[in-house]
Protein backbone atom coordinates (compact mmCIF):
# COMPACT_ATOMS: atom_id res chain seq x y z
CA UNK A 1 161.08 83.25 147.96
CA UNK A 2 162.04 80.92 150.75
CA UNK A 3 161.61 77.29 149.79
CA UNK A 4 161.97 73.96 151.51
CA UNK A 5 163.33 71.13 149.33
CA UNK A 6 162.54 73.25 146.25
CA UNK A 7 158.86 73.36 147.25
CA UNK A 8 156.99 76.67 147.18
CA UNK A 9 154.10 76.93 149.60
CA UNK A 10 151.29 79.30 148.60
CA UNK A 11 148.56 80.16 151.06
CA UNK A 12 145.01 80.67 149.77
CA UNK A 13 142.62 82.63 151.98
CA UNK A 14 139.82 80.13 152.67
CA UNK A 15 137.08 82.10 154.38
CA UNK A 16 134.64 82.01 151.46
CA UNK A 17 134.71 81.83 147.69
CA UNK A 18 136.66 79.89 145.09
CA UNK A 19 139.67 78.96 147.22
CA UNK A 20 139.68 75.29 146.19
CA UNK A 21 139.63 76.24 142.50
CA UNK A 22 142.61 78.55 143.07
CA UNK A 23 144.45 75.72 144.80
CA UNK A 24 143.84 73.41 141.86
CA UNK A 25 145.11 75.99 139.35
CA UNK A 26 148.23 76.78 141.37
CA UNK A 27 149.15 73.14 141.98
CA UNK A 28 148.65 72.35 138.30
CA UNK A 29 151.49 74.75 137.41
CA UNK A 30 154.26 72.63 138.92
CA UNK A 31 154.75 69.63 141.22
CA UNK A 32 156.96 71.93 143.31
CA UNK A 33 154.00 74.11 144.28
CA UNK A 34 151.84 73.16 147.23
CA UNK A 35 148.96 75.15 148.64
CA UNK A 36 147.46 75.50 152.08
CA UNK A 37 144.13 76.99 153.12
CA UNK A 38 144.56 80.04 155.35
CA UNK A 39 142.01 80.57 158.10
CA UNK A 40 144.10 81.59 161.14
CA UNK A 41 146.97 84.07 161.57
CA UNK A 42 149.50 81.44 162.70
CA UNK A 43 149.26 79.73 159.30
CA UNK A 44 150.82 82.80 157.66
CA UNK A 45 154.22 82.03 159.17
CA UNK A 46 154.94 79.03 156.92
CA UNK A 47 153.95 80.33 153.46
CA UNK A 48 155.97 81.90 150.65
CA UNK A 49 153.10 83.92 149.18
CA UNK A 50 149.35 84.31 149.41
CA UNK A 51 146.33 84.44 147.11
CA UNK A 52 143.06 86.17 147.95
CA UNK A 53 140.45 84.34 145.84
CA UNK A 54 137.29 85.46 144.16
CA UNK A 55 134.04 85.21 146.07
CA UNK A 56 132.08 87.73 148.13
CA UNK A 57 134.26 90.45 149.63
CA UNK A 58 131.68 91.50 152.22
CA UNK A 59 131.37 87.95 153.55
CA UNK A 60 135.15 87.57 153.66
CA UNK A 61 135.45 90.84 155.56
CA UNK A 62 132.76 89.91 158.08
CA UNK A 63 134.33 86.50 158.77
CA UNK A 64 137.81 87.97 158.89
CA UNK A 65 136.78 90.65 161.38
CA UNK A 66 135.54 88.08 163.91
CA UNK A 67 138.51 85.73 163.50
CA UNK A 68 140.93 86.78 166.23
CA UNK A 69 144.10 88.30 164.83
CA UNK A 70 143.48 87.23 161.23
CA UNK A 71 142.91 90.63 159.61
CA UNK A 72 145.85 92.20 161.45
CA UNK A 73 148.00 89.22 160.48
CA UNK A 74 147.00 89.54 156.84
CA UNK A 75 147.69 93.28 156.85
CA UNK A 76 151.13 92.67 158.32
CA UNK A 77 151.86 89.95 155.74
CA UNK A 78 150.78 92.08 152.78
CA UNK A 79 152.37 95.33 153.93
CA UNK A 80 155.54 94.13 155.63
CA UNK A 81 156.58 90.59 154.64
CA UNK A 82 157.79 91.45 151.13
CA UNK A 83 156.29 88.17 149.89
CA UNK A 84 154.11 87.94 146.73
CA UNK A 85 150.39 88.61 147.04
CA UNK A 86 147.65 88.06 144.46
CA UNK A 87 143.99 89.09 144.55
CA UNK A 88 141.25 87.83 142.22
CA UNK A 89 137.98 89.80 141.97
CA UNK A 90 136.78 89.91 145.61
CA UNK A 91 140.36 89.30 146.69
CA UNK A 92 141.44 92.31 144.67
CA UNK A 93 138.80 94.42 146.45
CA UNK A 94 140.24 93.37 149.82
CA UNK A 95 143.72 94.45 148.70
CA UNK A 96 142.58 97.88 147.46
CA UNK A 97 143.47 100.98 149.46
CA UNK A 98 140.18 102.63 148.49
CA UNK A 99 136.79 101.13 147.70
CA UNK A 100 133.45 102.62 146.65
CA UNK A 101 130.08 100.96 146.16
CA UNK A 102 130.48 99.13 149.46
CA UNK A 103 127.72 96.89 150.76
CA UNK A 104 124.59 98.34 152.31
CA UNK A 105 124.22 95.43 154.78
CA UNK A 106 127.20 96.32 157.00
CA UNK A 107 127.45 99.49 159.03
CA UNK A 108 131.25 99.82 159.39
CA UNK A 109 131.99 99.69 155.68
CA UNK A 110 133.92 97.15 153.66
CA UNK A 111 136.73 95.61 155.69
CA UNK A 112 139.90 96.03 153.63
CA UNK A 113 143.42 94.63 153.90
CA UNK A 114 144.92 97.32 151.65
CA UNK A 115 148.40 97.26 150.19
CA UNK A 116 147.58 97.98 146.54
CA UNK A 117 147.22 101.66 145.66
CA UNK A 118 144.07 101.38 143.55
CA UNK A 119 140.51 102.70 143.70
CA UNK A 120 137.96 99.91 143.22
CA UNK A 121 134.22 100.09 142.56
CA UNK A 122 132.30 97.03 143.74
CA UNK A 123 129.62 95.65 141.40
CA UNK A 124 130.54 98.22 138.76
CA UNK A 125 128.75 96.28 136.03
CA UNK A 126 125.68 95.36 138.07
CA UNK A 127 124.28 92.46 140.05
CA UNK A 128 124.73 88.73 139.51
CA UNK A 129 122.17 88.64 136.68
CA UNK A 130 124.19 91.29 134.84
CA UNK A 131 127.23 89.00 134.57
CA UNK A 132 128.62 88.59 131.05
CA UNK A 133 131.57 87.54 128.90
CA UNK A 134 133.41 89.64 126.34
CA UNK A 135 136.71 89.67 124.46
CA UNK A 136 139.36 91.81 126.13
CA UNK A 137 142.86 92.83 125.02
CA UNK A 138 145.45 90.12 125.61
CA UNK A 139 148.13 91.00 128.17
CA UNK A 140 151.36 92.29 126.61
CA UNK A 141 154.46 90.12 126.44
CA UNK A 142 155.90 88.59 128.55
CA UNK A 143 152.58 88.20 130.39
CA UNK A 144 150.59 86.88 127.42
CA UNK A 145 149.89 83.16 127.45
CA UNK A 146 147.94 83.02 124.21
CA UNK A 147 150.03 81.26 121.57
CA UNK A 148 150.63 82.95 118.24
CA UNK A 149 148.44 81.54 115.50
CA UNK A 150 148.53 81.65 111.73
CA UNK A 151 146.10 83.98 110.01
CA UNK A 152 144.60 83.14 106.64
CA UNK A 153 147.52 84.99 105.05
CA UNK A 154 150.02 82.79 106.88
CA UNK A 155 151.24 85.52 109.22
CA UNK A 156 151.60 85.06 112.93
CA UNK A 157 149.10 87.03 114.93
CA UNK A 158 149.60 87.47 118.64
CA UNK A 159 149.79 91.25 119.04
CA UNK A 160 146.04 91.87 118.84
CA UNK A 161 144.75 88.52 120.04
CA UNK A 162 141.71 88.81 122.23
CA UNK A 163 141.56 87.32 125.69
CA UNK A 164 138.36 85.79 127.12
CA UNK A 165 137.05 88.13 129.81
CA UNK A 166 134.46 86.81 132.30
CA UNK A 167 132.68 89.46 134.39
CA UNK A 168 130.70 87.87 137.22
CA UNK A 169 129.20 90.58 139.44
CA UNK A 170 132.47 92.22 138.63
CA UNK A 171 134.29 95.11 140.29
CA UNK A 172 136.30 97.65 138.33
CA UNK A 173 139.65 99.28 139.04
CA UNK A 174 139.04 102.98 138.42
CA UNK A 175 142.45 104.44 139.17
CA UNK A 176 146.01 103.18 139.57
CA UNK A 177 149.24 105.12 140.14
CA UNK A 178 151.83 105.60 137.37
CA UNK A 179 154.16 102.96 138.80
CA UNK A 180 151.54 100.21 138.28
CA UNK A 181 151.77 98.40 134.96
CA UNK A 182 148.25 98.04 133.57
CA UNK A 183 148.00 94.84 131.52
CA UNK A 184 144.66 95.61 129.89
CA UNK A 185 141.73 98.01 129.95
CA UNK A 186 138.02 97.74 129.20
CA UNK A 187 135.80 100.70 128.38
CA UNK A 188 132.31 100.11 129.79
CA UNK A 189 129.50 102.16 131.29
CA UNK A 190 128.73 101.57 134.98
CA UNK A 191 125.41 100.15 136.11
CA UNK A 192 122.83 102.58 137.52
CA UNK A 193 123.78 102.08 141.19
CA UNK A 194 127.49 102.42 140.44
CA UNK A 195 126.82 105.57 138.41
CA UNK A 196 125.17 107.18 141.44
CA UNK A 197 128.18 106.35 143.59
CA UNK A 198 130.60 107.65 140.98
CA UNK A 199 128.77 110.97 140.75
CA UNK A 200 128.90 111.32 144.52
CA UNK A 201 132.59 110.38 144.49
CA UNK A 202 133.28 113.07 141.89
CA UNK A 203 131.45 115.65 143.99
CA UNK A 204 133.45 114.75 147.10
CA UNK A 205 136.76 114.84 145.25
CA UNK A 206 135.93 118.24 143.77
CA UNK A 207 135.25 119.41 147.31
CA UNK A 208 138.74 118.27 148.31
CA UNK A 209 137.67 115.27 150.41
CA UNK A 210 139.94 112.24 150.77
CA UNK A 211 137.56 109.35 150.06
CA UNK A 212 138.62 105.95 151.37
CA UNK A 213 135.23 104.26 151.27
CA UNK A 214 131.85 105.24 149.87
CA UNK A 215 128.79 103.03 150.03
CA UNK A 216 125.79 102.81 147.75
CA UNK A 217 123.48 103.88 150.58
CA UNK A 218 125.74 106.86 151.38
CA UNK A 219 125.48 108.13 147.82
CA UNK A 220 121.72 107.62 147.60
CA UNK A 221 121.20 109.44 150.91
CA UNK A 222 123.22 112.38 149.62
CA UNK A 223 120.99 112.61 146.54
CA UNK A 224 117.81 112.46 148.63
CA UNK A 225 119.10 115.20 150.93
CA UNK A 226 119.81 117.41 147.92
CA UNK A 227 116.18 117.06 146.84
């Protein structure tokens, strides 16, 4: 990372979503970390890394598409700069190479930045009212941040500690290549709309199609045509 006076500058995409909360978390890590809100392509030149925050991926894509040069600048940064990139929830969707369950309100499909070789399903668990919390496996060392604690028998327990998982209109990563280290998995059934899309995805893959994007409406139309 390039630094100036030992200061690391992290850009946070600030089109929509929880960008201020991400700034607060990053700056709380160290006094040597500063953050800047990214809204134009020229701002990418002075940062050491970038974070795509949680929010609404469709809204981010629509705003990004009409901001001159921004989406191309972000793609160039992610694919060619060699600098660290992080995506949370909606931000992770933007970074995916393939996305299914895309919004029905836009005609060109979800606008993606790409760069991470994963297949993502938007709203896998359902709508906003289907949001929930559950315990998930803690990330393995050295990624785990949960401190070891004493059990009743006096033994340290940090291998099977649970990690608080918060699923707010959450997407799911369905596939990742072997060279990606998966830090944790959750086994859960998709919501009804996602299940329709997944069935259509399976049909297309069996037919040998290379699916980059697949919307909810696309899958429903296929089912109606079959009837």
